[in-house]
Amino acid sequence: MTETWHFINTGRRDPYYNMAFDEALLNFVSRGEIDPVIRFYTWDPPTLSIGYFQRLEKEIDISKVKEKGYGLVRRQTGGRGVLHDKELTYSVIVPEAHPRMPKTVTEAYRIISTGLLEGFKRLGFDAYFSVPKSKEEREKLKQPRSSVCFDAPSWYELVVEGKKIAGSAQTRQKGVILQHGSILQDVDIDDLFDMFIFKNDRLKNKMKEAFVEKAIAINDLSNKNVTLSEMEEAFAEGFKKGLDITFKPLELTEAQHQEIEALCEKYKSHEFLYRK
């Protein structure tokens, strides 16, 4: 039976608001104030987000980030650095106890990412999940290599037009699953890699090559320029089909808006960004 979930598109927002909003949605779902929810958003200014466990000063060239005029924020999810620029970002927030949500992270990732799979199909792309077959491939998945998010493969690799597309992260807190990720419209790989610290140029180039194999933007796959609104429409329909849901708009109370504003201060804080 088709379920009805909340949906909200918050549009272009600053990095602190974007991360605060996702955390607040997790809180609202945890407290039973709202149903499972899917959110779309974009970033202003373009921002480098780093994973919760990353060591900022060791891995990121902060002066380069500032020089390029990008925002910088730490996510509450793990994973590695992502440059949010020409993309559609999505988040899915659902209780862990939801009957359709498997117990393991990888299985839940596959279920949620079916929405992405169907979105790519709606845009006319050939998309499917690739599962590692050999023991060697499975072992490799346990050894992430670089600070750049798309370099990390996942158990269920989303393959579009023969290219592996990655870039989602998941956390489980307060009985709730939060998965969010980037759907790239375009990507400037040189710009991205300039902001990471590497031991030497050889390693940097090797990682860049690995990234090119993993990360592909929609407009690299297609000779027609797909607009943001076309992406929003396709992936909204994709999530509906992939998760067998319909949408109802999410309208927040004044108290919920205040909670988001309070959380913004956490993401703006030096303590959270530079946490050890």
C-alpha atoms as a PDB file:
ATOM      1  CA  MET A   1       0.000   0.000   0.000  1.00  0.00           C
ATOM      2  CA  THR A   2       1.279   3.437  -0.973  1.00  0.00           C
ATOM      3  CA  GLU A   3       2.305   5.594   1.989  1.00  0.00           C
ATOM      4  CA  THR A   4       2.255   9.384   2.185  1.00  0.00           C
ATOM      5  CA  TRP A   5       5.503  11.088   3.259  1.00  0.00           C
ATOM      6  CA  HIS A   6       6.269  14.744   3.790  1.00  0.00           C
ATOM      7  CA  PHE A   7       8.198  16.626   1.096  1.00  0.00           C
ATOM      8  CA  ILE A   8       9.878  20.025   1.196  1.00  0.00           C
ATOM      9  CA  ASN A   9      12.154  21.887  -1.228  1.00  0.00           C
ATOM     10  CA  THR A  10      13.952  24.589   0.739  1.00  0.00           C
ATOM     11  CA  GLY A  11      15.786  25.969  -2.320  1.00  0.00           C
ATOM     12  CA  ARG A  12      19.071  27.907  -2.114  1.00  0.00           C
ATOM     13  CA  ARG A  13      20.281  28.323   1.451  1.00  0.00           C
ATOM     14  CA  ASP A  14      23.549  28.913   3.270  1.00  0.00           C
ATOM     15  CA  PRO A  15      25.546  25.880   4.479  1.00  0.00           C
ATOM     16  CA  TYR A  16      24.707  26.301   8.176  1.00  0.00           C
ATOM     17  CA  TYR A  17      20.980  26.474   7.511  1.00  0.00           C
ATOM     18  CA  ASN A  18      21.174  23.453   5.195  1.00  0.00           C
ATOM     19  CA  MET A  19      22.860  21.252   7.794  1.00  0.00           C
ATOM     20  CA  ALA A  20      20.722  22.593  10.654  1.00  0.00           C
ATOM     21  CA  PHE A  21      17.550  21.866   8.698  1.00  0.00           C
ATOM     22  CA  ASP A  22      18.544  18.232   8.101  1.00  0.00           C
ATOM     23  CA  GLU A  23      19.385  17.739  11.790  1.00  0.00           C
ATOM     24  CA  ALA A  24      16.127  19.395  12.831  1.00  0.00           C
ATOM     25  CA  LEU A  25      14.132  17.103  10.524  1.00  0.00           C
ATOM     26  CA  LEU A  26      15.815  14.131  12.206  1.00  0.00           C
ATOM     27  CA  ASN A  27      14.690  15.521  15.580  1.00  0.00           C
ATOM     28  CA  PHE A  28      11.120  16.137  14.392  1.00  0.00           C
ATOM     29  CA  VAL A  29      10.824  12.581  13.015  1.00  0.00           C
ATOM     30  CA  SER A  30      12.404  11.155  16.187  1.00  0.00           C
ATOM     31  CA  ARG A  31       9.829  12.943  18.356  1.00  0.00           C
ATOM     32  CA  GLY A  32       6.968  11.814  16.107  1.00  0.00           C
ATOM     33  CA  GLU A  33       6.078  15.404  15.156  1.00  0.00           C
ATOM     34  CA  ILE A  34       6.229  14.686  11.417  1.00  0.00           C
ATOM     35  CA  ASP A  35       6.062  11.641   9.136  1.00  0.00           C
ATOM     36  CA  PRO A  36       9.082  10.414   7.142  1.00  0.00           C
ATOM     37  CA  VAL A  37      10.290  13.274   4.961  1.00  0.00           C
ATOM     38  CA  ILE A  38      12.223  13.922   1.762  1.00  0.00           C
ATOM     39  CA  ARG A  39      13.896  17.281   1.308  1.00  0.00           C
ATOM     40  CA  PHE A  40      15.568  18.877  -1.733  1.00  0.00           C
ATOM     41  CA  TYR A  41      17.940  21.851  -1.442  1.00  0.00           C
ATOM     42  CA  THR A  42      20.809  23.758  -3.052  1.00  0.00           C
ATOM     43  CA  TRP A  43      23.670  25.869  -1.671  1.00  0.00           C
ATOM     44  CA  ASP A  44      24.463  29.586  -1.567  1.00  0.00           C
ATOM     45  CA  PRO A  45      27.374  30.124  -1.561  1.00  0.00           C
ATOM     46  CA  PRO A  46      28.760  26.906  -3.116  1.00  0.00           C
ATOM     47  CA  THR A  47      30.195  25.006  -0.164  1.00  0.00           C
ATOM     48  CA  LEU A  48      32.706  22.323   0.745  1.00  0.00           C
ATOM     49  CA  SER A  49      31.112  20.039   3.331  1.00  0.00           C
ATOM     50  CA  ILE A  50      33.308  17.673   5.312  1.00  0.00           C
ATOM     51  CA  GLY A  51      32.321  14.460   7.060  1.00  0.00           C
ATOM     52  CA  TYR A  52      31.691  14.377  10.804  1.00  0.00           C
ATOM     53  CA  PHE A  53      34.910  12.468  11.550  1.00  0.00           C
ATOM     54  CA  GLN A  54      37.263  14.297   9.182  1.00  0.00           C
ATOM     55  CA  ARG A  55      40.256  16.163  10.579  1.00  0.00           C
ATOM     56  CA  LEU A  56      39.768  19.541   8.984  1.00  0.00           C
ATOM     57  CA  GLU A  57      43.238  21.045   9.258  1.00  0.00           C
ATOM     58  CA  LYS A  58      45.014  17.834   8.240  1.00  0.00           C
ATOM     59  CA  GLU A  59      42.902  17.128   5.167  1.00  0.00           C
ATOM     60  CA  ILE A  60      41.614  20.457   3.880  1.00  0.00           C
ATOM     61  CA  ASP A  61      43.532  23.496   2.566  1.00  0.00           C
ATOM     62  CA  ILE A  62      41.356  26.049   4.378  1.00  0.00           C
ATOM     63  CA  SER A  63      43.076  29.054   2.763  1.00  0.00           C
ATOM     64  CA  LYS A  64      42.248  27.659  -0.708  1.00  0.00           C
ATOM     65  CA  VAL A  65      38.592  27.224   0.258  1.00  0.00           C
ATOM     66  CA  LYS A  66      38.457  30.879   1.376  1.00  0.00           C
ATOM     67  CA  GLU A  67      40.407  32.074  -1.673  1.00  0.00           C
ATOM     68  CA  LYS A  68      37.855  30.444  -3.975  1.00  0.00           C
ATOM     69  CA  GLY A  69      34.975  32.008  -2.043  1.00  0.00           C
ATOM     70  CA  TYR A  70      33.411  28.706  -0.984  1.00  0.00           C
ATOM     71  CA  GLY A  71      31.554  28.090   2.233  1.00  0.00           C
ATOM     72  CA  LEU A  72      32.873  25.446   4.642  1.00  0.00           C
ATOM     73  CA  VAL A  73      30.733  23.320   6.948  1.00  0.00           C
ATOM     74  CA  ARG A  74      30.941  20.029   8.837  1.00  0.00           C
ATOM     75  CA  ARG A  75      28.125  17.514   8.288  1.00  0.00           C
ATOM     76  CA  GLN A  76      26.625  15.300  10.979  1.00  0.00           C
ATOM     77  CA  THR A  77      27.059  12.333   8.618  1.00  0.00           C
ATOM     78  CA  GLY A  78      30.339  10.537   7.979  1.00  0.00           C
ATOM     79  CA  GLY A  79      32.120  10.239   4.674  1.00  0.00           C
ATOM     80  CA  ARG A  80      34.481  12.658   3.068  1.00  0.00           C
ATOM     81  CA  GLY A  81      34.649  16.078   1.463  1.00  0.00           C
ATOM     82  CA  VAL A  82      31.974  17.104  -1.037  1.00  0.00           C
ATOM     83  CA  LEU A  83      31.863  20.316  -3.067  1.00  0.00           C
ATOM     84  CA  HIS A  84      28.228  21.410  -3.285  1.00  0.00           C
ATOM     85  CA  ASP A  85      27.921  23.682  -6.288  1.00  0.00           C
ATOM     86  CA  LYS A  86      25.994  22.773  -9.433  1.00  0.00           C
ATOM     87  CA  GLU A  87      23.890  20.006  -7.967  1.00  0.00           C
ATOM     88  CA  LEU A  88      20.627  18.998  -6.361  1.00  0.00           C
ATOM     89  CA  THR A  89      21.073  17.816  -2.776  1.00  0.00           C
ATOM     90  CA  TYR A  90      18.532  15.466  -1.267  1.00  0.00           C
ATOM     91  CA  SER A  91      17.889  14.155   2.236  1.00  0.00           C
ATOM     92  CA  VAL A  92      15.670  11.303   3.359  1.00  0.00           C
ATOM     93  CA  ILE A  93      14.697  11.064   7.034  1.00  0.00           C
ATOM     94  CA  VAL A  94      12.791   7.966   8.170  1.00  0.00           C
ATOM     95  CA  PRO A  95      12.469   6.011  11.447  1.00  0.00           C
ATOM     96  CA  GLU A  96      14.791   3.003  11.783  1.00  0.00           C
ATOM     97  CA  ALA A  97      11.747   0.978  12.846  1.00  0.00           C
ATOM     98  CA  HIS A  98       9.897   1.765   9.599  1.00  0.00           C
ATOM     99  CA  PRO A  99       8.658  -1.576   8.189  1.00  0.00           C
ATOM    100  CA  ARG A 100      10.342  -0.954   4.833  1.00  0.00           C
ATOM    101  CA  MET A 101      13.725  -0.040   6.282  1.00  0.00           C
ATOM    102  CA  PRO A 102      16.245  -2.898   6.607  1.00  0.00           C
ATOM    103  CA  LYS A 103      18.408  -3.079   9.734  1.00  0.00           C
ATOM    104  CA  THR A 104      21.774  -2.790   7.949  1.00  0.00           C
ATOM    105  CA  VAL A 105      23.172   0.486   6.600  1.00  0.00           C
ATOM    106  CA  THR A 106      23.970  -0.987   3.174  1.00  0.00           C
ATOM    107  CA  GLU A 107      20.516  -2.518   2.689  1.00  0.00           C
ATOM    108  CA  ALA A 108      18.800   0.693   3.811  1.00  0.00           C
ATOM    109  CA  TYR A 109      21.106   2.629   1.463  1.00  0.00           C
ATOM    110  CA  ARG A 110      19.945   0.429  -1.418  1.00  0.00           C
ATOM    111  CA  ILE A 111      16.254   0.944  -0.598  1.00  0.00           C
ATOM    112  CA  ILE A 112      16.562   4.731  -0.260  1.00  0.00           C
ATOM    113  CA  SER A 113      18.819   4.995  -3.320  1.00  0.00           C
ATOM    114  CA  THR A 114      16.156   3.289  -5.425  1.00  0.00           C
ATOM    115  CA  GLY A 115      14.622   6.783  -5.508  1.00  0.00           C
ATOM    116  CA  LEU A 116      17.803   8.066  -7.170  1.00  0.00           C
ATOM    117  CA  LEU A 117      17.853   5.116  -9.557  1.00  0.00           C
ATOM    118  CA  GLU A 118      14.288   5.850 -10.700  1.00  0.00           C
ATOM    119  CA  GLY A 119      15.104   9.569 -11.002  1.00  0.00           C
ATOM    120  CA  PHE A 120      17.954   8.872 -13.414  1.00  0.00           C
ATOM    121  CA  LYS A 121      15.653   6.603 -15.403  1.00  0.00           C
ATOM    122  CA  ARG A 122      13.056   9.391 -15.652  1.00  0.00           C
ATOM    123  CA  LEU A 123      15.764  11.620 -17.148  1.00  0.00           C
ATOM    124  CA  GLY A 124      16.253   8.939 -19.804  1.00  0.00           C
ATOM    125  CA  PHE A 125      19.459   7.358 -18.480  1.00  0.00           C
ATOM    126  CA  ASP A 126      20.283   3.668 -18.214  1.00  0.00           C
ATOM    127  CA  ALA A 127      20.654   3.133 -14.448  1.00  0.00           C
ATOM    128  CA  TYR A 128      21.096   0.056 -12.246  1.00  0.00           C
ATOM    129  CA  PHE A 129      22.748  -1.171  -9.034  1.00  0.00           C
ATOM    130  CA  SER A 130      26.045  -3.039  -9.270  1.00  0.00           C
ATOM    131  CA  VAL A 131      26.835  -5.451  -6.428  1.00  0.00           C
ATOM    132  CA  PRO A 132      30.468  -6.555  -5.797  1.00  0.00           C
ATOM    133  CA  LYS A 133      30.715 -10.234  -6.664  1.00  0.00           C
ATOM    134  CA  SER A 134      34.227 -11.309  -5.753  1.00  0.00           C
ATOM    135  CA  LYS A 135      35.686 -11.544  -2.255  1.00  0.00           C
ATOM    136  CA  GLU A 136      38.512  -9.235  -3.364  1.00  0.00           C
ATOM    137  CA  GLU A 137      36.026  -6.556  -4.429  1.00  0.00           C
ATOM    138  CA  ARG A 138      34.152  -6.847  -1.142  1.00  0.00           C
ATOM    139  CA  GLU A 139      37.374  -6.504   0.874  1.00  0.00           C
ATOM    140  CA  LYS A 140      38.315  -3.426  -1.131  1.00  0.00           C
ATOM    141  CA  LEU A 141      35.146  -1.687   0.022  1.00  0.00           C
ATOM    142  CA  LYS A 142      36.441  -1.744   3.598  1.00  0.00           C
ATOM    143  CA  GLN A 143      39.514   0.332   2.725  1.00  0.00           C
ATOM    144  CA  PRO A 144      38.572   3.903   1.761  1.00  0.00           C
ATOM    145  CA  ARG A 145      41.527   5.706   0.231  1.00  0.00           C
ATOM    146  CA  SER A 146      41.165   9.442   0.118  1.00  0.00           C
ATOM    147  CA  SER A 147      39.495  12.469   1.656  1.00  0.00           C
ATOM    148  CA  VAL A 148      37.275  13.019  -1.367  1.00  0.00           C
ATOM    149  CA  CYS A 149      33.801  11.601  -0.905  1.00  0.00           C
ATOM    150  CA  PHE A 150      33.121  10.179  -4.347  1.00  0.00           C
ATOM    151  CA  ASP A 151      36.272   8.062  -4.188  1.00  0.00           C
ATOM    152  CA  ALA A 152      34.654   5.806  -1.574  1.00  0.00           C
ATOM    153  CA  PRO A 153      32.714   2.969  -3.195  1.00  0.00           C
ATOM    154  CA  SER A 154      29.614   1.608  -1.549  1.00  0.00           C
ATOM    155  CA  TRP A 155      28.212  -1.887  -1.412  1.00  0.00           C
ATOM    156  CA  TYR A 156      25.403  -1.135  -3.871  1.00  0.00           C
ATOM    157  CA  GLU A 157      27.049   1.022  -6.507  1.00  0.00           C
ATOM    158  CA  LEU A 158      24.600   3.132  -8.492  1.00  0.00           C
ATOM    159  CA  VAL A 159      25.680   2.837 -12.125  1.00  0.00           C
ATOM    160  CA  VAL A 160      24.357   5.297 -14.715  1.00  0.00           C
ATOM    161  CA  GLU A 161      25.263   4.922 -18.382  1.00  0.00           C
ATOM    162  CA  GLY A 162      28.065   2.553 -17.349  1.00  0.00           C
ATOM    163  CA  LYS A 163      29.589   5.098 -14.934  1.00  0.00           C
ATOM    164  CA  LYS A 164      29.596   4.622 -11.172  1.00  0.00           C
ATOM    165  CA  ILE A 165      27.868   7.464  -9.360  1.00  0.00           C
ATOM    166  CA  ALA A 166      28.362   7.875  -5.622  1.00  0.00           C
ATOM    167  CA  GLY A 167      28.017  10.613  -3.037  1.00  0.00           C
ATOM    168  CA  SER A 168      25.514   9.727  -0.340  1.00  0.00           C
ATOM    169  CA  ALA A 169      26.134   9.519   3.402  1.00  0.00           C
ATOM    170  CA  GLN A 170      23.996   8.019   6.158  1.00  0.00           C
ATOM    171  CA  THR A 171      23.726   8.395   9.901  1.00  0.00           C
ATOM    172  CA  ARG A 172      21.450   6.767  12.478  1.00  0.00           C
ATOM    173  CA  GLN A 173      20.613   8.758  15.595  1.00  0.00           C
ATOM    174  CA  LYS A 174      17.676   8.849  18.013  1.00  0.00           C
ATOM    175  CA  GLY A 175      16.032   5.894  16.261  1.00  0.00           C
ATOM    176  CA  VAL A 176      16.067   7.684  12.896  1.00  0.00           C
ATOM    177  CA  ILE A 177      17.917   7.140   9.585  1.00  0.00           C
ATOM    178  CA  LEU A 178      19.173  10.279   7.841  1.00  0.00           C
ATOM    179  CA  GLN A 179      20.619   9.785   4.372  1.00  0.00           C
ATOM    180  CA  HIS A 180      21.629  12.748   2.278  1.00  0.00           C
ATOM    181  CA  GLY A 181      23.657  13.144  -0.859  1.00  0.00           C
ATOM    182  CA  SER A 182      24.531  15.061  -3.995  1.00  0.00           C
ATOM    183  CA  ILE A 183      23.104  14.601  -7.462  1.00  0.00           C
ATOM    184  CA  LEU A 184      25.660  16.389  -9.628  1.00  0.00           C
ATOM    185  CA  GLN A 185      24.537  18.606 -12.481  1.00  0.00           C
ATOM    186  CA  ASP A 186      28.121  19.669 -13.329  1.00  0.00           C
ATOM    187  CA  VAL A 187      31.424  19.236 -11.492  1.00  0.00           C
ATOM    188  CA  ASP A 188      34.800  21.056 -11.661  1.00  0.00           C
ATOM    189  CA  ILE A 189      37.214  18.312 -10.618  1.00  0.00           C
ATOM    190  CA  ASP A 190      40.352  20.508 -10.649  1.00  0.00           C
ATOM    191  CA  ASP A 191      38.670  23.065  -8.402  1.00  0.00           C
ATOM    192  CA  LEU A 192      37.591  20.351  -5.970  1.00  0.00           C
ATOM    193  CA  PHE A 193      40.999  18.688  -5.678  1.00  0.00           C
ATOM    194  CA  ASP A 194      42.772  22.018  -5.175  1.00  0.00           C
ATOM    195  CA  MET A 195      41.134  22.222  -1.750  1.00  0.00           C
ATOM    196  CA  PHE A 196      42.476  18.932  -0.394  1.00  0.00           C
ATOM    197  CA  ILE A 197      45.892  18.298   1.123  1.00  0.00           C
ATOM    198  CA  PHE A 198      47.871  15.450  -0.497  1.00  0.00           C
ATOM    199  CA  LYS A 199      51.315  14.121   0.382  1.00  0.00           C
ATOM    200  CA  ASN A 200      52.495  14.705  -3.186  1.00  0.00           C
ATOM    201  CA  ASP A 201      51.283  15.474  -6.722  1.00  0.00           C
ATOM    202  CA  ARG A 202      51.538  11.838  -7.796  1.00  0.00           C
ATOM    203  CA  LEU A 203      49.044  10.819  -5.136  1.00  0.00           C
ATOM    204  CA  LYS A 204      46.819  13.777  -5.990  1.00  0.00           C
ATOM    205  CA  ASN A 205      46.743  12.787  -9.676  1.00  0.00           C
ATOM    206  CA  LYS A 206      46.095   9.151  -8.829  1.00  0.00           C
ATOM    207  CA  MET A 207      43.154  10.120  -6.614  1.00  0.00           C
ATOM    208  CA  LYS A 208      41.848  12.476  -9.271  1.00  0.00           C
ATOM    209  CA  GLU A 209      41.857   9.641 -11.813  1.00  0.00           C
ATOM    210  CA  ALA A 210      39.994   7.392  -9.358  1.00  0.00           C
ATOM    211  CA  PHE A 211      37.477  10.179  -8.768  1.00  0.00           C
ATOM    212  CA  VAL A 212      36.814  10.578 -12.510  1.00  0.00           C
ATOM    213  CA  GLU A 213      35.936   6.879 -12.672  1.00  0.00           C
ATOM    214  CA  LYS A 214      33.514   7.242  -9.743  1.00  0.00           C
ATOM    215  CA  ALA A 215      31.890  10.642 -10.039  1.00  0.00           C
ATOM    216  CA  ILE A 216      30.060  11.800 -13.099  1.00  0.00           C
ATOM    217  CA  ALA A 217      27.731  14.747 -13.475  1.00  0.00           C
ATOM    218  CA  ILE A 218      24.422  14.566 -15.306  1.00  0.00           C
ATOM    219  CA  ASN A 219      25.613  17.012 -17.956  1.00  0.00           C
ATOM    220  CA  ASP A 220      28.685  14.824 -18.605  1.00  0.00           C
ATOM    221  CA  LEU A 221      26.337  11.936 -19.315  1.00  0.00           C
ATOM    222  CA  SER A 222      24.045  13.869 -21.593  1.00  0.00           C
ATOM    223  CA  ASN A 223      24.614  16.120 -24.573  1.00  0.00           C
ATOM    224  CA  LYS A 224      21.528  18.119 -23.618  1.00  0.00           C
ATOM    225  CA  ASN A 225      21.862  20.412 -20.629  1.00  0.00           C
ATOM    226  CA  VAL A 226      19.532  19.141 -17.905  1.00  0.00           C
ATOM    227  CA  THR A 227      18.209  22.041 -15.825  1.00  0.00           C
ATOM    228  CA  LEU A 228      17.837  22.075 -12.057  1.00  0.00           C
ATOM    229  CA  SER A 229      14.043  22.166 -12.340  1.00  0.00           C
ATOM    230  CA  GLU A 230      14.113  19.108 -14.633  1.00  0.00           C
ATOM    231  CA  MET A 231      16.270  17.339 -12.036  1.00  0.00           C
ATOM    232  CA  GLU A 232      13.913  18.323  -9.219  1.00  0.00           C
ATOM    233  CA  GLU A 233      10.897  17.001 -11.099  1.00  0.00           C
ATOM    234  CA  ALA A 234      12.610  13.743 -12.166  1.00  0.00           C
ATOM    235  CA  PHE A 235      13.979  12.877  -8.733  1.00  0.00           C
ATOM    236  CA  ALA A 236      10.740  13.804  -6.940  1.00  0.00           C
ATOM    237  CA  GLU A 237       8.925  11.349  -9.204  1.00  0.00           C
ATOM    238  CA  GLY A 238      11.827   8.908  -8.790  1.00  0.00           C
ATOM    239  CA  PHE A 239      11.491   8.839  -5.008  1.00  0.00           C
ATOM    240  CA  LYS A 240       7.727   8.407  -5.285  1.00  0.00           C
ATOM    241  CA  LYS A 241       8.136   5.405  -7.555  1.00  0.00           C
ATOM    242  CA  GLY A 242      11.239   3.930  -5.897  1.00  0.00           C
ATOM    243  CA  LEU A 243       9.824   4.087  -2.364  1.00  0.00           C
ATOM    244  CA  ASP A 244       6.157   3.607  -3.382  1.00  0.00           C
ATOM    245  CA  ILE A 245       5.047   6.828  -1.705  1.00  0.00           C
ATOM    246  CA  THR A 246       3.069   9.986  -2.394  1.00  0.00           C
ATOM    247  CA  PHE A 247       3.980  13.435  -1.094  1.00  0.00           C
ATOM    248  CA  LYS A 248       2.256  15.932   1.152  1.00  0.00           C
ATOM    249  CA  PRO A 249       3.848  19.356   1.730  1.00  0.00           C
ATOM    250  CA  LEU A 250       5.711  19.900   4.982  1.00  0.00           C
ATOM    251  CA  GLU A 251       4.716  23.036   6.850  1.00  0.00           C
ATOM    252  CA  LEU A 252       6.683  23.798   9.979  1.00  0.00           C
ATOM    253  CA  THR A 253       5.475  25.394  13.198  1.00  0.00           C
ATOM    254  CA  GLU A 254       7.048  28.533  14.639  1.00  0.00           C
ATOM    255  CA  ALA A 255       8.731  26.404  17.346  1.00  0.00           C
ATOM    256  CA  GLN A 256      10.242  24.129  14.680  1.00  0.00           C
ATOM    257  CA  HIS A 257      11.585  27.137  12.747  1.00  0.00           C
ATOM    258  CA  GLN A 258      13.170  28.389  15.979  1.00  0.00           C
ATOM    259  CA  GLU A 259      14.818  24.996  16.535  1.00  0.00           C
ATOM    260  CA  ILE A 260      16.376  25.201  13.059  1.00  0.00           C
ATOM    261  CA  GLU A 261      17.689  28.717  13.764  1.00  0.00           C
ATOM    262  CA  ALA A 262      19.200  27.554  17.078  1.00  0.00           C
ATOM    263  CA  LEU A 263      20.937  24.631  15.329  1.00  0.00           C
ATOM    264  CA  CYS A 264      22.413  27.059  12.766  1.00  0.00           C
ATOM    265  CA  GLU A 265      24.559  28.468  15.569  1.00  0.00           C
ATOM    266  CA  LYS A 266      26.045  25.013  16.193  1.00  0.00           C
ATOM    267  CA  TYR A 267      27.082  24.626  12.546  1.00  0.00           C
ATOM    268  CA  LYS A 268      28.509  28.161  12.458  1.00  0.00           C
ATOM    269  CA  SER A 269      30.598  27.522  15.574  1.00  0.00           C
ATOM    270  CA  HIS A 270      34.382  27.162  15.511  1.00  0.00           C
ATOM    271  CA  GLU A 271      34.093  24.284  18.019  1.00  0.00           C
ATOM    272  CA  PHE A 272      31.967  22.126  15.721  1.00  0.00           C
ATOM    273  CA  LEU A 273      33.844  22.908  12.491  1.00  0.00           C
ATOM    274  CA  TYR A 274      37.272  22.258  14.022  1.00  0.00           C
ATOM    275  CA  ARG A 275      36.172  19.398  16.311  1.00  0.00           C
ATOM    276  CA  LYS A 276      38.951  16.898  16.954  1.00  0.00           C
END
